[in-house]
Protein backbone atom coordinates (compact mmCIF):
# COMPACT_ATOMS: atom_id res chain seq x y z
CA MET A 1 38.78 -26.83 -22.15
CA PHE A 2 36.69 -27.94 -19.15
CA GLY A 3 38.44 -25.50 -16.80
CA ASN A 4 36.94 -22.56 -18.68
CA LEU A 5 33.57 -24.33 -18.94
CA PHE A 6 33.38 -24.82 -15.17
CA GLY A 7 34.67 -21.30 -14.53
CA ASP A 8 31.88 -19.94 -16.73
CA PHE A 9 29.38 -22.17 -14.93
CA GLU A 10 30.46 -20.83 -11.52
CA LYS A 11 30.22 -17.28 -12.83
CA LYS A 12 26.72 -17.95 -14.17
CA GLN A 13 25.69 -19.47 -10.82
CA ASN A 14 26.85 -16.35 -9.00
CA GLU A 15 25.02 -14.15 -11.49
CA MET A 16 21.86 -16.23 -11.02
CA ARG A 17 22.06 -15.93 -7.22
CA ALA A 18 22.34 -12.16 -7.54
CA LYS A 19 19.46 -12.03 -10.03
CA LEU A 20 17.20 -14.12 -7.76
CA LYS A 21 17.81 -11.71 -4.88
CA GLU A 22 16.65 -8.84 -7.11
CA ILE A 23 13.32 -10.49 -7.97
CA VAL A 24 11.27 -9.05 -5.10
CA PHE A 25 7.52 -9.47 -4.77
CA ASP A 26 4.73 -9.01 -2.25
CA TYR A 27 2.49 -11.92 -1.36
CA ASP A 28 -0.90 -10.61 -0.23
CA PHE A 29 -2.61 -12.96 2.20
CA SER A 30 -6.28 -12.74 3.13
CA ASP A 31 -7.10 -9.55 1.25
CA GLY A 32 -4.25 -7.51 2.67
CA ALA A 33 -4.43 -8.78 6.24
CA ILE A 34 -0.81 -9.86 5.95
CA VAL A 35 1.61 -8.91 3.19
CA VAL A 36 4.88 -10.83 2.98
CA THR A 37 7.70 -9.35 0.93
CA ALA A 38 10.08 -11.99 -0.36
CA ASN A 39 12.53 -12.62 -3.16
CA ALA A 40 13.15 -15.49 -5.55
CA SER A 41 16.07 -16.61 -3.36
CA ARG A 42 13.39 -17.66 -0.88
CA GLU A 43 14.26 -14.96 1.60
CA ILE A 44 11.57 -13.19 3.60
CA LEU A 45 12.35 -9.48 3.51
CA ASN A 46 9.40 -8.04 5.40
CA ILE A 47 6.07 -8.95 6.98
CA ASN A 48 3.35 -6.32 7.26
CA ILE A 49 0.30 -7.04 9.43
CA ASN A 50 -2.72 -4.81 8.91
CA PRO A 51 -4.27 -4.32 12.37
CA GLU A 52 -7.57 -3.31 10.76
CA LYS A 53 -7.89 -6.79 9.23
CA VAL A 54 -6.24 -8.96 11.88
CA ASN A 55 -7.38 -9.34 15.48
CA LEU A 56 -4.03 -8.73 17.18
CA ALA A 57 -5.51 -9.76 20.55
CA ASP A 58 -5.90 -13.32 19.26
CA LYS A 59 -2.27 -14.47 19.38
CA GLU A 60 -2.98 -17.95 18.01
CA GLU A 61 -4.88 -16.57 15.02
CA VAL A 62 -2.09 -14.09 14.24
CA GLU A 63 0.54 -16.83 14.46
CA ASP A 64 -1.48 -19.14 12.20
CA MET A 65 -2.05 -16.40 9.62
CA VAL A 66 1.62 -15.33 9.59
CA LEU A 67 2.74 -18.94 9.24
CA GLU A 68 0.35 -19.56 6.34
CA ALA A 69 1.28 -16.29 4.62
CA VAL A 70 5.02 -17.01 4.90
CA ASN A 71 4.62 -20.56 3.62
CA ARG A 72 2.61 -19.38 0.62
CA ALA A 73 5.14 -16.61 -0.10
CA LEU A 74 7.94 -19.20 -0.03
CA GLU A 75 5.97 -21.40 -2.44
CA GLU A 76 5.65 -18.43 -4.80
CA ALA A 77 9.38 -17.74 -4.42
CA ALA A 78 10.16 -21.34 -5.37
CA ILE A 79 7.99 -21.03 -8.49
CA ARG A 80 9.75 -17.82 -9.51
CA GLU A 81 13.16 -19.36 -8.79
CA ALA A 82 12.36 -22.43 -10.91
CA SER A 83 11.17 -20.24 -13.77
CA GLU A 84 14.38 -18.19 -13.72
CA MET A 85 16.52 -21.33 -13.49
CA GLN A 86 14.72 -22.87 -16.46
CA GLN A 87 15.25 -19.73 -18.50
CA SER A 88 18.92 -19.70 -17.54
CA ILE A 89 19.35 -23.35 -18.53
CA ASN A 90 17.67 -22.69 -21.87
CA ASP A 91 20.01 -19.74 -22.45
CA ILE A 92 23.13 -21.79 -21.57
CA LEU A 93 22.38 -24.91 -23.63
CA PRO A 94 23.45 -24.78 -27.25
CA GLY A 95 20.63 -24.67 -29.79
CA GLY A 96 21.31 -28.22 -30.98
CA MET A 97 20.58 -29.71 -27.56
CA GLY A 98 16.89 -30.04 -28.38
CA GLY A 99 14.59 -30.31 -25.38
CA LEU A 100 17.24 -31.14 -22.78
CA GLY A 101 16.42 -27.90 -20.99
CA ASP A 102 12.95 -29.33 -20.31
CA LEU A 103 14.47 -32.10 -18.16
CA PHE A 104 14.67 -29.65 -15.26
CA LYS A 105 11.01 -28.58 -15.22
């Protein structure tokens, strides 16, 4: 009985990992100065720096802006990941489990 339950759980985990990788978004920092493309697996896929909006000669400023943009993109990725995980938990739990799915919010 539990063997199949855990097998299904592992399968669902793998499906969730794949789904999170497919949720791709752009995080626009400072009105397009830096755009970070990430996914809900908290992977940074691309960083685009607009030289018309960023002083590339100021290395420290560029580094600070990239760092801030990446951190904010990762925060957004964590929010999207949590939302997908909550939905998945709600889908897995039987209807009679009440609000147990809300324990993971």
